[in-house]
Amino acid sequence: MHAETCLNGVTKLIDVIGSNDFAADFFSAINSMVPIDHCTVFMSDAGSVRTVIAQARSATANRQVQHLADAYSNSAYRDDPVWSSIDAQPACWVILPSALPDANYRREFYDKPNILEEVAVSGVSGPRRVYISYYRERGHARFSRDEIDRLTACAHPTIAVLGKHVELASRAPAPPTPSAPVSRDELYRRVQVAIHDENPALTKREAEICAGIVLGYTVLGLSLNLGISMNTVATHRKRAYAKLKVSSQNELFAHYFGMVEALKA
């Protein structure tokens, strides 16, 4: 039964291998077999780690998942015990956040995104290591034994399909270069709006301060740009950091690095 379910799910993906719609179709195919809140796929590629899929149920959640995926593929994968354990044989891992020993890693990638449980599938496609993660958020039930068995049964063909997708997508012509770069003022506006949308508890001024910090403005620069004192900038920054549960400019930058890169397009 699991093999038939798996075959039906993987068959849906064959026609979209290499296409721009692959990530959304991958999410839909898996979700039709086992309900998930979001999923990510990472692959090693020429000595680095790349994000293949970062997909969730809604556009707002997609942005958060993409930001986390960017942070993971940039450097955080080094702190992930699953990544370092990947070998040629497909394996399935059930991960409870409370079992992770690294408190900072757990906070950024599980506690803040409200993750209840992760089912991770790992393996190898050609020269690349593959790491697929399926997530359930708090407020939903944990994955059942039957659901875990379905995802495990699909591991080998799913990894093969993902490997073929990456191979074909890498041959596709590069997208056209934008005719004009986004202005700094427009990027500032976009980042401010995105930060506020993701964190509605922030005031507009706090979101402005965070956007400026992420884009490299100093306290003096923000003071001059916004027409407020440096002490007022510092006060808004302190309140924003408390609401975002970050303690430094570096933490804020790491969290929103992916967002800034995406909004430059």
C-alpha atoms as a PDB file:
ATOM      1  CA  MET A   1       0.000   0.000   0.000  1.00  0.00           C
ATOM      2  CA  HIS A   2       2.800   2.404   0.888  1.00  0.00           C
ATOM      3  CA  ALA A   3       4.621   1.564  -2.343  1.00  0.00           C
ATOM      4  CA  GLU A   4       1.509   2.361  -4.414  1.00  0.00           C
ATOM      5  CA  THR A   5       0.954   5.640  -2.562  1.00  0.00           C
ATOM      6  CA  CYS A   6       4.602   6.538  -3.079  1.00  0.00           C
ATOM      7  CA  LEU A   7       4.476   5.709  -6.798  1.00  0.00           C
ATOM      8  CA  ASN A   8       1.421   7.920  -7.289  1.00  0.00           C
ATOM      9  CA  GLY A   9       3.112  10.825  -5.491  1.00  0.00           C
ATOM     10  CA  VAL A  10       6.413  10.559  -7.349  1.00  0.00           C
ATOM     11  CA  THR A  11       4.651  10.128 -10.710  1.00  0.00           C
ATOM     12  CA  LYS A  12       3.062  13.553 -10.247  1.00  0.00           C
ATOM     13  CA  LEU A  13       6.532  15.104 -10.110  1.00  0.00           C
ATOM     14  CA  ILE A  14       8.000  13.589 -13.256  1.00  0.00           C
ATOM     15  CA  ASP A  15       6.333  16.044 -15.639  1.00  0.00           C
ATOM     16  CA  VAL A  16       7.571  19.083 -13.691  1.00  0.00           C
ATOM     17  CA  ILE A  17      11.191  18.024 -13.109  1.00  0.00           C
ATOM     18  CA  GLY A  18      13.426  20.982 -13.952  1.00  0.00           C
ATOM     19  CA  SER A  19      10.537  23.492 -14.019  1.00  0.00           C
ATOM     20  CA  ASN A  20      10.037  26.633 -11.942  1.00  0.00           C
ATOM     21  CA  ASP A  21       6.914  25.064 -10.407  1.00  0.00           C
ATOM     22  CA  PHE A  22       8.752  22.060  -9.034  1.00  0.00           C
ATOM     23  CA  ALA A  23       8.966  23.268  -5.403  1.00  0.00           C
ATOM     24  CA  ALA A  24       5.228  23.937  -5.125  1.00  0.00           C
ATOM     25  CA  ASP A  25       4.374  20.685  -6.882  1.00  0.00           C
ATOM     26  CA  PHE A  26       6.771  18.751  -4.651  1.00  0.00           C
ATOM     27  CA  PHE A  27       5.056  20.177  -1.560  1.00  0.00           C
ATOM     28  CA  SER A  28       1.601  19.319  -2.961  1.00  0.00           C
ATOM     29  CA  ALA A  29       2.625  15.771  -3.857  1.00  0.00           C
ATOM     30  CA  ILE A  30       4.032  15.049  -0.401  1.00  0.00           C
ATOM     31  CA  ASN A  31       1.137  16.805   1.326  1.00  0.00           C
ATOM     32  CA  SER A  32      -1.329  14.602  -0.562  1.00  0.00           C
ATOM     33  CA  MET A  33       0.366  11.546   0.973  1.00  0.00           C
ATOM     34  CA  VAL A  34       1.153  12.919   4.431  1.00  0.00           C
ATOM     35  CA  PRO A  35      -0.105  16.302   5.688  1.00  0.00           C
ATOM     36  CA  ILE A  36       2.814  18.668   6.370  1.00  0.00           C
ATOM     37  CA  ASP A  37       3.109  22.338   7.314  1.00  0.00           C
ATOM     38  CA  HIS A  38       6.313  23.008   5.400  1.00  0.00           C
ATOM     39  CA  CYS A  39       9.292  21.235   3.912  1.00  0.00           C
ATOM     40  CA  THR A  40      12.866  21.950   2.901  1.00  0.00           C
ATOM     41  CA  VAL A  41      15.369  20.135   0.694  1.00  0.00           C
ATOM     42  CA  PHE A  42      19.121  20.767   0.767  1.00  0.00           C
ATOM     43  CA  MET A  43      21.886  19.320  -1.410  1.00  0.00           C
ATOM     44  CA  SER A  44      25.652  19.495  -1.329  1.00  0.00           C
ATOM     45  CA  ASP A  45      26.916  21.087  -4.515  1.00  0.00           C
ATOM     46  CA  ALA A  46      30.598  21.608  -5.379  1.00  0.00           C
ATOM     47  CA  GLY A  47      31.654  21.787  -1.746  1.00  0.00           C
ATOM     48  CA  SER A  48      28.775  24.014  -0.593  1.00  0.00           C
ATOM     49  CA  VAL A  49      25.163  23.449   0.448  1.00  0.00           C
ATOM     50  CA  ARG A  50      22.294  24.756  -1.626  1.00  0.00           C
ATOM     51  CA  THR A  51      18.571  25.109  -0.976  1.00  0.00           C
ATOM     52  CA  VAL A  52      16.524  23.138  -3.491  1.00  0.00           C
ATOM     53  CA  ILE A  53      13.096  23.551  -1.882  1.00  0.00           C
ATOM     54  CA  ALA A  54      11.757  25.812   0.863  1.00  0.00           C
ATOM     55  CA  GLN A  55       7.987  25.574   0.708  1.00  0.00           C
ATOM     56  CA  ALA A  56       5.065  26.047   3.111  1.00  0.00           C
ATOM     57  CA  ARG A  57       1.300  26.291   3.118  1.00  0.00           C
ATOM     58  CA  SER A  58       1.053  30.087   2.760  1.00  0.00           C
ATOM     59  CA  ALA A  59       2.991  32.958   1.178  1.00  0.00           C
ATOM     60  CA  THR A  60       3.790  34.437   4.607  1.00  0.00           C
ATOM     61  CA  ALA A  61       5.082  31.113   5.897  1.00  0.00           C
ATOM     62  CA  ASN A  62       7.042  30.660   2.654  1.00  0.00           C
ATOM     63  CA  ARG A  63       9.043  33.811   3.404  1.00  0.00           C
ATOM     64  CA  GLN A  64       9.954  32.591   6.872  1.00  0.00           C
ATOM     65  CA  VAL A  65      10.901  29.136   5.584  1.00  0.00           C
ATOM     66  CA  GLN A  66      13.067  30.674   2.852  1.00  0.00           C
ATOM     67  CA  HIS A  67      14.878  32.870   5.398  1.00  0.00           C
ATOM     68  CA  LEU A  68      15.609  29.854   7.588  1.00  0.00           C
ATOM     69  CA  ALA A  69      16.700  27.811   4.567  1.00  0.00           C
ATOM     70  CA  ASP A  70      19.132  30.544   3.509  1.00  0.00           C
ATOM     71  CA  ALA A  71      20.623  30.684   7.008  1.00  0.00           C
ATOM     72  CA  TYR A  72      20.904  26.889   7.086  1.00  0.00           C
ATOM     73  CA  SER A  73      22.605  26.556   3.688  1.00  0.00           C
ATOM     74  CA  ASN A  74      24.948  29.491   4.422  1.00  0.00           C
ATOM     75  CA  SER A  75      26.486  27.978   7.542  1.00  0.00           C
ATOM     76  CA  ALA A  76      24.035  26.502  10.069  1.00  0.00           C
ATOM     77  CA  TYR A  77      24.101  23.047   8.439  1.00  0.00           C
ATOM     78  CA  ARG A  78      27.442  22.570  10.206  1.00  0.00           C
ATOM     79  CA  ASP A  79      25.559  22.488  13.529  1.00  0.00           C
ATOM     80  CA  ASP A  80      23.020  19.920  12.323  1.00  0.00           C
ATOM     81  CA  PRO A  81      23.772  16.352  13.502  1.00  0.00           C
ATOM     82  CA  VAL A  82      21.688  14.880  10.659  1.00  0.00           C
ATOM     83  CA  TRP A  83      23.708  16.577   7.920  1.00  0.00           C
ATOM     84  CA  SER A  84      26.975  15.204   9.245  1.00  0.00           C
ATOM     85  CA  SER A  85      25.471  11.683   9.380  1.00  0.00           C
ATOM     86  CA  ILE A  86      24.251  11.415   5.768  1.00  0.00           C
ATOM     87  CA  ASP A  87      25.587   8.434   3.822  1.00  0.00           C
ATOM     88  CA  ALA A  88      24.763   6.548   0.633  1.00  0.00           C
ATOM     89  CA  GLN A  89      21.894   4.521   2.105  1.00  0.00           C
ATOM     90  CA  PRO A  90      18.597   6.417   2.475  1.00  0.00           C
ATOM     91  CA  ALA A  91      17.695   6.934   6.120  1.00  0.00           C
ATOM     92  CA  CYS A  92      14.708   8.364   7.972  1.00  0.00           C
ATOM     93  CA  TRP A  93      15.035  10.409  11.157  1.00  0.00           C
ATOM     94  CA  VAL A  94      12.307  11.536  13.565  1.00  0.00           C
ATOM     95  CA  ILE A  95      13.489  14.714  15.296  1.00  0.00           C
ATOM     96  CA  LEU A  96      11.942  16.272  18.389  1.00  0.00           C
ATOM     97  CA  PRO A  97      13.304  19.768  19.097  1.00  0.00           C
ATOM     98  CA  SER A  98      13.691  18.988  22.811  1.00  0.00           C
ATOM     99  CA  ALA A  99      16.232  16.280  21.942  1.00  0.00           C
ATOM    100  CA  LEU A 100      18.618  18.637  20.134  1.00  0.00           C
ATOM    101  CA  PRO A 101      21.656  19.459  22.273  1.00  0.00           C
ATOM    102  CA  ASP A 102      22.567  22.829  20.688  1.00  0.00           C
ATOM    103  CA  ALA A 103      20.305  25.421  22.352  1.00  0.00           C
ATOM    104  CA  ASN A 104      21.014  28.209  19.828  1.00  0.00           C
ATOM    105  CA  TYR A 105      20.398  25.935  16.842  1.00  0.00           C
ATOM    106  CA  ARG A 106      17.216  24.599  18.444  1.00  0.00           C
ATOM    107  CA  ARG A 107      15.930  28.116  19.178  1.00  0.00           C
ATOM    108  CA  GLU A 108      16.516  29.494  15.661  1.00  0.00           C
ATOM    109  CA  PHE A 109      15.352  26.521  13.606  1.00  0.00           C
ATOM    110  CA  TYR A 110      12.691  24.896  15.777  1.00  0.00           C
ATOM    111  CA  ASP A 111      11.439  27.049  18.655  1.00  0.00           C
ATOM    112  CA  LYS A 112      11.012  30.329  16.771  1.00  0.00           C
ATOM    113  CA  PRO A 113       9.328  28.689  13.727  1.00  0.00           C
ATOM    114  CA  ASN A 114       6.986  26.851  16.137  1.00  0.00           C
ATOM    115  CA  ILE A 115       8.111  23.348  15.084  1.00  0.00           C
ATOM    116  CA  LEU A 116       6.599  20.381  16.919  1.00  0.00           C
ATOM    117  CA  GLU A 117       8.342  17.584  15.025  1.00  0.00           C
ATOM    118  CA  GLU A 118      10.462  16.915  11.949  1.00  0.00           C
ATOM    119  CA  VAL A 119      10.727  13.797   9.819  1.00  0.00           C
ATOM    120  CA  ALA A 120      14.005  13.977   7.928  1.00  0.00           C
ATOM    121  CA  VAL A 121      14.987  11.784   4.996  1.00  0.00           C
ATOM    122  CA  SER A 122      18.621  11.668   3.931  1.00  0.00           C
ATOM    123  CA  GLY A 123      20.590   9.967   1.193  1.00  0.00           C
ATOM    124  CA  VAL A 124      22.813  10.484  -1.833  1.00  0.00           C
ATOM    125  CA  SER A 125      22.052  11.315  -5.465  1.00  0.00           C
ATOM    126  CA  GLY A 126      25.134  10.968  -7.651  1.00  0.00           C
ATOM    127  CA  PRO A 127      27.856  13.111  -6.071  1.00  0.00           C
ATOM    128  CA  ARG A 128      25.393  15.076  -3.926  1.00  0.00           C
ATOM    129  CA  ARG A 129      24.191  14.529  -0.382  1.00  0.00           C
ATOM    130  CA  VAL A 130      20.435  15.126  -0.008  1.00  0.00           C
ATOM    131  CA  TYR A 131      18.550  16.199   3.109  1.00  0.00           C
ATOM    132  CA  ILE A 132      14.733  16.393   2.993  1.00  0.00           C
ATOM    133  CA  SER A 133      12.796  17.707   5.988  1.00  0.00           C
ATOM    134  CA  TYR A 134       9.049  17.471   6.558  1.00  0.00           C
ATOM    135  CA  TYR A 135       7.674  19.548   9.452  1.00  0.00           C
ATOM    136  CA  ARG A 136       4.625  19.681  11.690  1.00  0.00           C
ATOM    137  CA  GLU A 137       4.001  22.801  13.743  1.00  0.00           C
ATOM    138  CA  ARG A 138       2.852  22.965  17.340  1.00  0.00           C
ATOM    139  CA  GLY A 139      -0.922  22.757  17.586  1.00  0.00           C
ATOM    140  CA  HIS A 140      -1.028  19.759  15.223  1.00  0.00           C
ATOM    141  CA  ALA A 141      -0.600  16.065  15.928  1.00  0.00           C
ATOM    142  CA  ARG A 142       2.803  14.409  15.718  1.00  0.00           C
ATOM    143  CA  PHE A 143       3.540  12.219  12.705  1.00  0.00           C
ATOM    144  CA  SER A 144       1.979   8.789  13.120  1.00  0.00           C
ATOM    145  CA  ARG A 145       3.932   5.562  12.627  1.00  0.00           C
ATOM    146  CA  ASP A 146       2.028   4.949   9.386  1.00  0.00           C
ATOM    147  CA  GLU A 147       2.877   8.430   8.065  1.00  0.00           C
ATOM    148  CA  ILE A 148       6.555   7.967   8.909  1.00  0.00           C
ATOM    149  CA  ASP A 149       6.511   4.612   7.103  1.00  0.00           C
ATOM    150  CA  ARG A 150       5.029   6.269   3.999  1.00  0.00           C
ATOM    151  CA  LEU A 151       7.741   8.917   3.914  1.00  0.00           C
ATOM    152  CA  THR A 152      10.396   6.258   4.472  1.00  0.00           C
ATOM    153  CA  ALA A 153       9.014   4.119   1.634  1.00  0.00           C
ATOM    154  CA  CYS A 154       9.281   7.127  -0.679  1.00  0.00           C
ATOM    155  CA  ALA A 155      12.858   7.976   0.295  1.00  0.00           C
ATOM    156  CA  HIS A 156      14.742   6.322  -2.561  1.00  0.00           C
ATOM    157  CA  PRO A 157      12.534   7.450  -5.497  1.00  0.00           C
ATOM    158  CA  THR A 158      12.080  10.919  -3.984  1.00  0.00           C
ATOM    159  CA  ILE A 159      15.845  11.428  -3.691  1.00  0.00           C
ATOM    160  CA  ALA A 160      16.258  10.222  -7.290  1.00  0.00           C
ATOM    161  CA  VAL A 161      13.626  12.672  -8.558  1.00  0.00           C
ATOM    162  CA  LEU A 162      15.212  15.544  -6.639  1.00  0.00           C
ATOM    163  CA  GLY A 163      18.628  14.689  -8.052  1.00  0.00           C
ATOM    164  CA  LYS A 164      17.253  14.672 -11.606  1.00  0.00           C
ATOM    165  CA  HIS A 165      15.477  17.974 -11.014  1.00  0.00           C
ATOM    166  CA  VAL A 166      18.687  19.664  -9.852  1.00  0.00           C
ATOM    167  CA  GLU A 167      20.573  18.212 -12.826  1.00  0.00           C
ATOM    168  CA  LEU A 168      18.026  19.509 -15.363  1.00  0.00           C
ATOM    169  CA  ALA A 169      17.484  22.849 -13.622  1.00  0.00           C
ATOM    170  CA  SER A 170      21.233  23.529 -13.714  1.00  0.00           C
ATOM    171  CA  ARG A 171      21.141  23.240 -17.508  1.00  0.00           C
ATOM    172  CA  ALA A 172      18.347  25.775 -17.872  1.00  0.00           C
ATOM    173  CA  PRO A 173      19.313  29.205 -19.211  1.00  0.00           C
ATOM    174  CA  ALA A 174      19.985  31.787 -16.531  1.00  0.00           C
ATOM    175  CA  PRO A 175      17.109  34.198 -15.881  1.00  0.00           C
ATOM    176  CA  PRO A 176      17.458  37.617 -17.507  1.00  0.00           C
ATOM    177  CA  THR A 177      19.346  40.227 -15.526  1.00  0.00           C
ATOM    178  CA  PRO A 178      17.026  42.931 -14.161  1.00  0.00           C
ATOM    179  CA  SER A 179      17.160  46.098 -16.229  1.00  0.00           C
ATOM    180  CA  ALA A 180      17.845  48.270 -13.179  1.00  0.00           C
ATOM    181  CA  PRO A 181      18.841  47.482  -9.588  1.00  0.00           C
ATOM    182  CA  VAL A 182      16.447  48.262  -6.763  1.00  0.00           C
ATOM    183  CA  SER A 183      17.247  51.650  -5.246  1.00  0.00           C
ATOM    184  CA  ARG A 184      18.444  51.764  -1.636  1.00  0.00           C
ATOM    185  CA  ASP A 185      15.349  53.738  -0.585  1.00  0.00           C
ATOM    186  CA  GLU A 186      13.036  51.193  -2.242  1.00  0.00           C
ATOM    187  CA  LEU A 187      14.933  48.282  -0.689  1.00  0.00           C
ATOM    188  CA  TYR A 188      14.679  49.990   2.712  1.00  0.00           C
ATOM    189  CA  ARG A 189      10.909  50.317   2.233  1.00  0.00           C
ATOM    190  CA  ARG A 190      10.549  46.677   1.155  1.00  0.00           C
ATOM    191  CA  VAL A 191      12.573  45.345   4.073  1.00  0.00           C
ATOM    192  CA  GLN A 192      10.661  47.500   6.556  1.00  0.00           C
ATOM    193  CA  VAL A 193       7.294  46.272   5.253  1.00  0.00           C
ATOM    194  CA  ALA A 194       8.431  42.636   5.203  1.00  0.00           C
ATOM    195  CA  ILE A 195       9.794  42.768   8.756  1.00  0.00           C
ATOM    196  CA  HIS A 196       6.597  44.374  10.026  1.00  0.00           C
ATOM    197  CA  ASP A 197       4.407  41.856   8.140  1.00  0.00           C
ATOM    198  CA  GLU A 198       6.341  38.976   9.680  1.00  0.00           C
ATOM    199  CA  ASN A 199       6.309  40.560  13.165  1.00  0.00           C
ATOM    200  CA  PRO A 200       3.076  42.575  13.588  1.00  0.00           C
ATOM    201  CA  ALA A 201       3.903  43.164  17.274  1.00  0.00           C
ATOM    202  CA  LEU A 202       6.563  45.642  16.149  1.00  0.00           C
ATOM    203  CA  THR A 203       5.581  49.275  15.802  1.00  0.00           C
ATOM    204  CA  LYS A 204       6.205  50.969  12.457  1.00  0.00           C
ATOM    205  CA  ARG A 205       9.146  52.861  13.958  1.00  0.00           C
ATOM    206  CA  GLU A 206      10.666  49.681  15.410  1.00  0.00           C
ATOM    207  CA  ALA A 207      10.383  48.003  12.001  1.00  0.00           C
ATOM    208  CA  GLU A 208      12.079  51.044  10.419  1.00  0.00           C
ATOM    209  CA  ILE A 209      14.947  50.791  12.902  1.00  0.00           C
ATOM    210  CA  CYS A 210      15.369  47.040  12.281  1.00  0.00           C
ATOM    211  CA  ALA A 211      15.296  47.522   8.511  1.00  0.00           C
ATOM    212  CA  GLY A 212      17.969  50.182   8.756  1.00  0.00           C
ATOM    213  CA  ILE A 213      20.194  47.991  10.935  1.00  0.00           C
ATOM    214  CA  VAL A 214      19.845  45.047   8.553  1.00  0.00           C
ATOM    215  CA  LEU A 215      20.847  47.317   5.651  1.00  0.00           C
ATOM    216  CA  GLY A 216      23.940  48.527   7.495  1.00  0.00           C
ATOM    217  CA  TYR A 217      22.863  51.921   8.843  1.00  0.00           C
ATOM    218  CA  THR A 218      24.542  53.096  12.044  1.00  0.00           C
ATOM    219  CA  VAL A 219      22.645  54.549  14.997  1.00  0.00           C
ATOM    220  CA  LEU A 220      23.835  57.997  13.886  1.00  0.00           C
ATOM    221  CA  GLY A 221      22.710  57.357  10.314  1.00  0.00           C
ATOM    222  CA  LEU A 222      19.269  56.233  11.471  1.00  0.00           C
ATOM    223  CA  SER A 223      19.027  59.253  13.733  1.00  0.00           C
ATOM    224  CA  LEU A 224      19.714  61.613  10.844  1.00  0.00           C
ATOM    225  CA  ASN A 225      17.498  59.767   8.349  1.00  0.00           C
ATOM    226  CA  LEU A 226      14.507  59.500  10.667  1.00  0.00           C
ATOM    227  CA  GLY A 227      14.894  62.869  12.382  1.00  0.00           C
ATOM    228  CA  ILE A 228      15.039  61.450  15.898  1.00  0.00           C
ATOM    229  CA  SER A 229      17.746  61.421  18.552  1.00  0.00           C
ATOM    230  CA  MET A 230      20.310  58.659  18.879  1.00  0.00           C
ATOM    231  CA  ASN A 231      18.884  57.825  22.315  1.00  0.00           C
ATOM    232  CA  THR A 232      15.441  57.364  20.767  1.00  0.00           C
ATOM    233  CA  VAL A 233      16.915  55.084  18.083  1.00  0.00           C
ATOM    234  CA  ALA A 234      18.576  53.005  20.818  1.00  0.00           C
ATOM    235  CA  THR A 235      15.306  52.770  22.770  1.00  0.00           C
ATOM    236  CA  HIS A 236      13.342  51.563  19.719  1.00  0.00           C
ATOM    237  CA  ARG A 237      16.126  49.099  18.910  1.00  0.00           C
ATOM    238  CA  LYS A 238      16.064  47.672  22.451  1.00  0.00           C
ATOM    239  CA  ARG A 239      12.282  47.198  22.346  1.00  0.00           C
ATOM    240  CA  ALA A 240      12.416  45.610  18.894  1.00  0.00           C
ATOM    241  CA  TYR A 241      15.163  43.182  19.913  1.00  0.00           C
ATOM    242  CA  ALA A 242      13.094  42.107  22.928  1.00  0.00           C
ATOM    243  CA  LYS A 243      10.050  41.423  20.740  1.00  0.00           C
ATOM    244  CA  LEU A 244      12.133  39.545  18.147  1.00  0.00           C
ATOM    245  CA  LYS A 245      14.044  37.635  20.849  1.00  0.00           C
ATOM    246  CA  VAL A 246      17.438  38.628  19.441  1.00  0.00           C
ATOM    247  CA  SER A 247      20.273  40.139  21.430  1.00  0.00           C
ATOM    248  CA  SER A 248      22.596  41.649  18.848  1.00  0.00           C
ATOM    249  CA  GLN A 249      22.931  43.236  15.429  1.00  0.00           C
ATOM    250  CA  ASN A 250      24.616  40.053  14.165  1.00  0.00           C
ATOM    251  CA  GLU A 251      21.641  37.907  15.207  1.00  0.00           C
ATOM    252  CA  LEU A 252      19.229  40.309  13.526  1.00  0.00           C
ATOM    253  CA  PHE A 253      21.305  40.348  10.335  1.00  0.00           C
ATOM    254  CA  ALA A 254      21.601  36.542  10.265  1.00  0.00           C
ATOM    255  CA  HIS A 255      17.839  36.180  10.627  1.00  0.00           C
ATOM    256  CA  TYR A 256      16.990  38.594   7.803  1.00  0.00           C
ATOM    257  CA  PHE A 257      19.904  38.037   5.421  1.00  0.00           C
ATOM    258  CA  GLY A 258      17.807  35.835   3.119  1.00  0.00           C
ATOM    259  CA  MET A 259      14.956  38.327   3.108  1.00  0.00           C
ATOM    260  CA  VAL A 260      17.194  41.196   1.991  1.00  0.00           C
ATOM    261  CA  GLU A 261      18.683  39.123  -0.822  1.00  0.00           C
ATOM    262  CA  ALA A 262      15.218  38.078  -2.022  1.00  0.00           C
ATOM    263  CA  LEU A 263      13.863  41.642  -1.907  1.00  0.00           C
ATOM    264  CA  LYS A 264      16.725  42.974  -4.036  1.00  0.00           C
ATOM    265  CA  ALA A 265      15.195  41.243  -7.065  1.00  0.00           C
END
